[in-house]
Amino acid sequence: MSLTDPLDADPALASAVLEIESHIAEGGWDQPARLYALVPTARLVEHEPALASMMGLDHSSEQGSLTAIEQDQLDPAVELERALESIVWPPGVHGCAAVVERLVLPPDVDDDLPEDQAAAQKFAREHPDRQEVRIVAGTTRGGSTYCALRLRAHDDDQSVVGGIDLVPGLLGLLSATLADEPSEQEENE
């Protein structure tokens, strides 16, 4: 896994992702997938002052930051990746982030994975070299991305790995939810 230069990251997005990761970590493991809207804190303070006040946000904390707003719980019967295919964020949402726990296997067992999805999941659950990982991935309409990964085997704040491109597949799905809906003219072409 290649780590990217932290200076390449959007600081507001990286801060929001790491804040989400820290908050989720307080609840321990075996949590459902979660989805967050990321909105500019300044806009939240201006348009929703009561909510901003409840969250402890004020004008001094608003400049250049994003606030994560957790969405309704996702249906646990639907995988996060499938749920993201039907989500489109409104224009006021600057970015989004998702949290999901997954099993990962070492690359050298890729050829041994069964093609059947149920069999592959069983294989992963039973593999002695499996690792449980919590992924927090975020993206913005401007194309910035950031991820934070925490392994269950190294469950401490100092072991969280961050970078802009750690989970490209999930980042691509999240980015697609921010794409502007095609206009009626584009749909008719």
C-alpha atoms as a PDB file:
ATOM      1  CA  MET A   1       0.000   0.000   0.000  1.00  0.00           C
ATOM      2  CA  SER A   2       1.494   3.320  -1.020  1.00  0.00           C
ATOM      3  CA  LEU A   3       0.961   6.276   1.225  1.00  0.00           C
ATOM      4  CA  THR A   4       0.612   9.642  -0.413  1.00  0.00           C
ATOM      5  CA  ASP A   5       2.163  12.883   0.665  1.00  0.00           C
ATOM      6  CA  PRO A   6      -0.175  14.398   3.264  1.00  0.00           C
ATOM      7  CA  LEU A   7       0.389  17.770   1.609  1.00  0.00           C
ATOM      8  CA  ASP A   8      -1.558  16.473  -1.423  1.00  0.00           C
ATOM      9  CA  ALA A   9      -4.716  16.119   0.682  1.00  0.00           C
ATOM     10  CA  ASP A  10      -7.482  18.685   1.010  1.00  0.00           C
ATOM     11  CA  PRO A  11      -7.065  19.654   4.689  1.00  0.00           C
ATOM     12  CA  ALA A  12     -10.789  20.254   5.287  1.00  0.00           C
ATOM     13  CA  LEU A  13     -11.716  16.863   3.816  1.00  0.00           C
ATOM     14  CA  ALA A  14      -8.911  15.032   5.612  1.00  0.00           C
ATOM     15  CA  SER A  15      -9.960  16.623   8.893  1.00  0.00           C
ATOM     16  CA  ALA A  16     -13.626  15.655   8.371  1.00  0.00           C
ATOM     17  CA  VAL A  17     -12.716  12.035   7.487  1.00  0.00           C
ATOM     18  CA  LEU A  18     -10.411  11.689  10.482  1.00  0.00           C
ATOM     19  CA  GLU A  19     -13.060  13.201  12.765  1.00  0.00           C
ATOM     20  CA  ILE A  20     -15.610  10.664  11.494  1.00  0.00           C
ATOM     21  CA  GLU A  21     -13.107   7.836  11.987  1.00  0.00           C
ATOM     22  CA  SER A  22     -12.395   8.931  15.554  1.00  0.00           C
ATOM     23  CA  HIS A  23     -16.095   9.211  16.358  1.00  0.00           C
ATOM     24  CA  ILE A  24     -16.875   5.772  14.915  1.00  0.00           C
ATOM     25  CA  ALA A  25     -13.902   4.206  16.727  1.00  0.00           C
ATOM     26  CA  GLU A  26     -15.446   5.228  20.054  1.00  0.00           C
ATOM     27  CA  GLY A  27     -18.311   2.806  19.317  1.00  0.00           C
ATOM     28  CA  GLY A  28     -16.061  -0.188  18.743  1.00  0.00           C
ATOM     29  CA  TRP A  29     -16.284  -2.744  15.969  1.00  0.00           C
ATOM     30  CA  ASP A  30     -19.057  -4.640  14.182  1.00  0.00           C
ATOM     31  CA  GLN A  31     -20.986  -1.495  13.294  1.00  0.00           C
ATOM     32  CA  PRO A  32     -23.231  -1.034  10.267  1.00  0.00           C
ATOM     33  CA  ALA A  33     -22.160   0.982   7.233  1.00  0.00           C
ATOM     34  CA  ARG A  34     -22.779   4.703   7.558  1.00  0.00           C
ATOM     35  CA  LEU A  35     -23.115   7.586   5.155  1.00  0.00           C
ATOM     36  CA  TYR A  36     -22.396  11.277   5.764  1.00  0.00           C
ATOM     37  CA  ALA A  37     -23.081  14.490   3.882  1.00  0.00           C
ATOM     38  CA  LEU A  38     -20.184  16.940   4.083  1.00  0.00           C
ATOM     39  CA  VAL A  39     -21.235  20.570   4.087  1.00  0.00           C
ATOM     40  CA  PRO A  40     -19.161  23.721   4.428  1.00  0.00           C
ATOM     41  CA  THR A  41     -19.331  24.683   8.089  1.00  0.00           C
ATOM     42  CA  ALA A  42     -19.783  28.363   7.146  1.00  0.00           C
ATOM     43  CA  ARG A  43     -22.931  27.496   5.173  1.00  0.00           C
ATOM     44  CA  LEU A  44     -24.265  25.414   8.065  1.00  0.00           C
ATOM     45  CA  VAL A  45     -23.674  28.247  10.566  1.00  0.00           C
ATOM     46  CA  GLU A  46     -25.389  30.717   8.216  1.00  0.00           C
ATOM     47  CA  HIS A  47     -28.404  28.627   7.160  1.00  0.00           C
ATOM     48  CA  GLU A  48     -28.950  26.416  10.220  1.00  0.00           C
ATOM     49  CA  PRO A  49     -27.823  28.483  13.223  1.00  0.00           C
ATOM     50  CA  ALA A  50     -29.776  26.419  15.777  1.00  0.00           C
ATOM     51  CA  LEU A  51     -28.282  23.137  14.491  1.00  0.00           C
ATOM     52  CA  ALA A  52     -24.816  24.702  14.334  1.00  0.00           C
ATOM     53  CA  SER A  53     -25.190  25.909  17.913  1.00  0.00           C
ATOM     54  CA  MET A  54     -26.272  22.433  19.073  1.00  0.00           C
ATOM     55  CA  MET A  55     -23.155  21.033  17.382  1.00  0.00           C
ATOM     56  CA  GLY A  56     -20.921  23.614  19.076  1.00  0.00           C
ATOM     57  CA  LEU A  57     -20.104  25.365  15.803  1.00  0.00           C
ATOM     58  CA  ASP A  58     -19.722  29.109  15.535  1.00  0.00           C
ATOM     59  CA  HIS A  59     -18.226  31.719  13.236  1.00  0.00           C
ATOM     60  CA  SER A  60     -14.719  31.120  14.571  1.00  0.00           C
ATOM     61  CA  SER A  61     -14.836  27.434  13.579  1.00  0.00           C
ATOM     62  CA  GLU A  62     -16.473  27.859  10.218  1.00  0.00           C
ATOM     63  CA  GLN A  63     -13.754  29.070   7.870  1.00  0.00           C
ATOM     64  CA  GLY A  64     -12.331  26.406   5.572  1.00  0.00           C
ATOM     65  CA  SER A  65     -13.885  23.431   7.335  1.00  0.00           C
ATOM     66  CA  LEU A  66     -16.453  20.781   6.536  1.00  0.00           C
ATOM     67  CA  THR A  67     -19.079  19.431   8.897  1.00  0.00           C
ATOM     68  CA  ALA A  68     -20.146  15.806   8.617  1.00  0.00           C
ATOM     69  CA  ILE A  69     -23.872  15.180   8.934  1.00  0.00           C
ATOM     70  CA  GLU A  70     -24.801  11.534   9.412  1.00  0.00           C
ATOM     71  CA  GLN A  71     -27.629  10.341   7.203  1.00  0.00           C
ATOM     72  CA  ASP A  72     -30.396   7.918   8.092  1.00  0.00           C
ATOM     73  CA  GLN A  73     -29.191   4.390   8.732  1.00  0.00           C
ATOM     74  CA  LEU A  74     -28.669   2.386   5.578  1.00  0.00           C
ATOM     75  CA  ASP A  75     -30.575  -0.853   5.047  1.00  0.00           C
ATOM     76  CA  PRO A  76     -28.256  -3.524   6.521  1.00  0.00           C
ATOM     77  CA  ALA A  77     -29.519  -6.031   3.937  1.00  0.00           C
ATOM     78  CA  VAL A  78     -28.065  -3.930   1.100  1.00  0.00           C
ATOM     79  CA  GLU A  79     -24.292  -3.670   0.692  1.00  0.00           C
ATOM     80  CA  LEU A  80     -22.990  -0.111   0.880  1.00  0.00           C
ATOM     81  CA  GLU A  81     -21.610  -0.332  -2.659  1.00  0.00           C
ATOM     82  CA  ARG A  82     -25.085  -1.219  -4.020  1.00  0.00           C
ATOM     83  CA  ALA A  83     -26.802   1.476  -1.946  1.00  0.00           C
ATOM     84  CA  LEU A  84     -24.439   4.128  -3.340  1.00  0.00           C
ATOM     85  CA  GLU A  85     -25.566   3.332  -6.886  1.00  0.00           C
ATOM     86  CA  SER A  86     -28.977   4.914  -6.171  1.00  0.00           C
ATOM     87  CA  ILE A  87     -27.843   8.003  -4.230  1.00  0.00           C
ATOM     88  CA  VAL A  88     -27.531  11.485  -5.697  1.00  0.00           C
ATOM     89  CA  TRP A  89     -26.665  14.378  -3.394  1.00  0.00           C
ATOM     90  CA  PRO A  90     -28.305  17.779  -3.824  1.00  0.00           C
ATOM     91  CA  PRO A  91     -26.128  20.722  -4.914  1.00  0.00           C
ATOM     92  CA  GLY A  92     -25.803  22.110  -1.348  1.00  0.00           C
ATOM     93  CA  VAL A  93     -23.791  19.062  -0.317  1.00  0.00           C
ATOM     94  CA  HIS A  94     -20.091  19.770  -0.898  1.00  0.00           C
ATOM     95  CA  GLY A  95     -18.950  16.178  -0.397  1.00  0.00           C
ATOM     96  CA  CYS A  96     -19.780  12.868   1.189  1.00  0.00           C
ATOM     97  CA  ALA A  97     -18.147  10.167   3.254  1.00  0.00           C
ATOM     98  CA  ALA A  98     -18.889   6.528   3.978  1.00  0.00           C
ATOM     99  CA  VAL A  99     -17.843   4.158   6.729  1.00  0.00           C
ATOM    100  CA  VAL A 100     -17.721   0.416   6.178  1.00  0.00           C
ATOM    101  CA  GLU A 101     -16.009  -2.565   7.776  1.00  0.00           C
ATOM    102  CA  ARG A 102     -14.547  -5.220   5.489  1.00  0.00           C
ATOM    103  CA  LEU A 103     -12.381  -8.320   5.554  1.00  0.00           C
ATOM    104  CA  VAL A 104      -9.200  -8.048   3.538  1.00  0.00           C
ATOM    105  CA  LEU A 105      -6.933 -10.834   2.434  1.00  0.00           C
ATOM    106  CA  PRO A 106      -3.291 -10.783   1.379  1.00  0.00           C
ATOM    107  CA  PRO A 107      -2.853 -10.294  -2.389  1.00  0.00           C
ATOM    108  CA  ASP A 108      -1.228 -13.707  -2.816  1.00  0.00           C
ATOM    109  CA  VAL A 109      -4.586 -15.478  -2.221  1.00  0.00           C
ATOM    110  CA  ASP A 110      -6.459 -13.660  -5.016  1.00  0.00           C
ATOM    111  CA  ASP A 111      -6.123 -16.645  -7.354  1.00  0.00           C
ATOM    112  CA  ASP A 112      -7.649 -18.938  -4.691  1.00  0.00           C
ATOM    113  CA  LEU A 113     -10.847 -16.893  -4.284  1.00  0.00           C
ATOM    114  CA  PRO A 114     -13.971 -18.705  -5.479  1.00  0.00           C
ATOM    115  CA  GLU A 115     -15.930 -16.912  -8.206  1.00  0.00           C
ATOM    116  CA  ASP A 116     -19.266 -17.404  -6.427  1.00  0.00           C
ATOM    117  CA  GLN A 117     -19.846 -14.412  -4.129  1.00  0.00           C
ATOM    118  CA  ALA A 118     -21.224 -16.432  -1.200  1.00  0.00           C
ATOM    119  CA  ALA A 119     -18.345 -18.911  -1.426  1.00  0.00           C
ATOM    120  CA  ALA A 120     -15.818 -16.053  -1.665  1.00  0.00           C
ATOM    121  CA  GLN A 121     -17.270 -14.439   1.475  1.00  0.00           C
ATOM    122  CA  LYS A 122     -17.064 -17.737   3.350  1.00  0.00           C
ATOM    123  CA  PHE A 123     -13.488 -18.223   2.124  1.00  0.00           C
ATOM    124  CA  ALA A 124     -12.545 -14.740   3.399  1.00  0.00           C
ATOM    125  CA  ARG A 125     -14.236 -15.223   6.791  1.00  0.00           C
ATOM    126  CA  GLU A 126     -12.394 -18.499   7.343  1.00  0.00           C
ATOM    127  CA  HIS A 127      -8.969 -17.560   5.934  1.00  0.00           C
ATOM    128  CA  PRO A 128      -6.291 -17.531   8.662  1.00  0.00           C
ATOM    129  CA  ASP A 129      -4.571 -14.420   7.225  1.00  0.00           C
ATOM    130  CA  ARG A 130      -7.702 -12.280   6.993  1.00  0.00           C
ATOM    131  CA  GLN A 131      -7.658  -8.799   8.480  1.00  0.00           C
ATOM    132  CA  GLU A 132     -10.667  -6.783   9.558  1.00  0.00           C
ATOM    133  CA  VAL A 133     -10.475  -3.161   8.473  1.00  0.00           C
ATOM    134  CA  ARG A 134     -12.681  -0.129   9.000  1.00  0.00           C
ATOM    135  CA  ILE A 135     -12.656   2.207   6.032  1.00  0.00           C
ATOM    136  CA  VAL A 136     -13.721   5.833   6.135  1.00  0.00           C
ATOM    137  CA  ALA A 137     -13.640   7.293   2.635  1.00  0.00           C
ATOM    138  CA  GLY A 138     -14.599  10.806   1.606  1.00  0.00           C
ATOM    139  CA  THR A 139     -14.731  12.885  -1.539  1.00  0.00           C
ATOM    140  CA  THR A 140     -15.779  16.366  -2.612  1.00  0.00           C
ATOM    141  CA  ARG A 141     -17.428  17.811  -5.689  1.00  0.00           C
ATOM    142  CA  GLY A 142     -14.063  19.379  -6.511  1.00  0.00           C
ATOM    143  CA  GLY A 143     -12.502  15.916  -6.850  1.00  0.00           C
ATOM    144  CA  SER A 144     -10.564  15.804  -3.571  1.00  0.00           C
ATOM    145  CA  THR A 145     -10.453  12.428  -1.846  1.00  0.00           C
ATOM    146  CA  TYR A 146      -9.236  11.123   1.493  1.00  0.00           C
ATOM    147  CA  CYS A 147      -9.407   7.782   3.304  1.00  0.00           C
ATOM    148  CA  ALA A 148      -8.654   6.599   6.810  1.00  0.00           C
ATOM    149  CA  LEU A 149      -8.118   2.893   7.542  1.00  0.00           C
ATOM    150  CA  ARG A 150      -8.012   1.180  10.924  1.00  0.00           C
ATOM    151  CA  LEU A 151      -7.142  -2.510  11.317  1.00  0.00           C
ATOM    152  CA  ARG A 152      -8.885  -4.366  14.106  1.00  0.00           C
ATOM    153  CA  ALA A 153      -5.569  -6.048  14.942  1.00  0.00           C
ATOM    154  CA  HIS A 154      -4.002  -2.588  15.482  1.00  0.00           C
ATOM    155  CA  ASP A 155      -6.940  -0.777  17.041  1.00  0.00           C
ATOM    156  CA  ASP A 156      -5.372   2.444  18.269  1.00  0.00           C
ATOM    157  CA  ASP A 157      -5.412   6.011  17.002  1.00  0.00           C
ATOM    158  CA  GLN A 158      -1.695   6.016  16.185  1.00  0.00           C
ATOM    159  CA  SER A 159      -2.148   3.074  13.782  1.00  0.00           C
ATOM    160  CA  VAL A 160      -4.800   4.734  11.599  1.00  0.00           C
ATOM    161  CA  VAL A 161      -3.481   5.003   8.042  1.00  0.00           C
ATOM    162  CA  GLY A 162      -4.575   7.931   5.902  1.00  0.00           C
ATOM    163  CA  GLY A 163      -4.151   8.893   2.276  1.00  0.00           C
ATOM    164  CA  ILE A 164      -5.901  10.263  -0.781  1.00  0.00           C
ATOM    165  CA  ASP A 165      -6.170   7.073  -2.821  1.00  0.00           C
ATOM    166  CA  LEU A 166      -6.263   4.084  -0.471  1.00  0.00           C
ATOM    167  CA  VAL A 167      -9.636   2.688  -1.612  1.00  0.00           C
ATOM    168  CA  PRO A 168     -10.123   3.816  -5.235  1.00  0.00           C
ATOM    169  CA  GLY A 169     -13.189   1.663  -5.925  1.00  0.00           C
ATOM    170  CA  LEU A 170     -15.178   3.072  -3.014  1.00  0.00           C
ATOM    171  CA  LEU A 171     -13.971   6.602  -3.754  1.00  0.00           C
ATOM    172  CA  GLY A 172     -15.232   6.237  -7.331  1.00  0.00           C
ATOM    173  CA  LEU A 173     -18.669   5.143  -6.120  1.00  0.00           C
ATOM    174  CA  LEU A 174     -18.815   8.064  -3.681  1.00  0.00           C
ATOM    175  CA  SER A 175     -17.740  10.526  -6.394  1.00  0.00           C
ATOM    176  CA  ALA A 176     -20.529   9.277  -8.660  1.00  0.00           C
ATOM    177  CA  THR A 177     -23.115  10.230  -6.006  1.00  0.00           C
ATOM    178  CA  LEU A 178     -21.949  13.846  -6.299  1.00  0.00           C
ATOM    179  CA  ALA A 179     -22.240  14.030 -10.084  1.00  0.00           C
ATOM    180  CA  ASP A 180     -24.734  16.597 -11.193  1.00  0.00           C
ATOM    181  CA  GLU A 181     -27.881  15.050 -12.552  1.00  0.00           C
ATOM    182  CA  PRO A 182     -28.054  15.276 -16.347  1.00  0.00           C
ATOM    183  CA  SER A 183     -30.295  18.069 -17.597  1.00  0.00           C
ATOM    184  CA  GLU A 184     -33.439  17.238 -19.563  1.00  0.00           C
ATOM    185  CA  GLN A 185     -31.671  18.367 -22.741  1.00  0.00           C
ATOM    186  CA  GLU A 186     -28.728  16.008 -22.096  1.00  0.00           C
ATOM    187  CA  GLU A 187     -31.129  13.112 -21.442  1.00  0.00           C
ATOM    188  CA  ASN A 188     -32.926  13.739 -24.760  1.00  0.00           C
ATOM    189  CA  GLU A 189     -29.731  13.867 -26.837  1.00  0.00           C
END
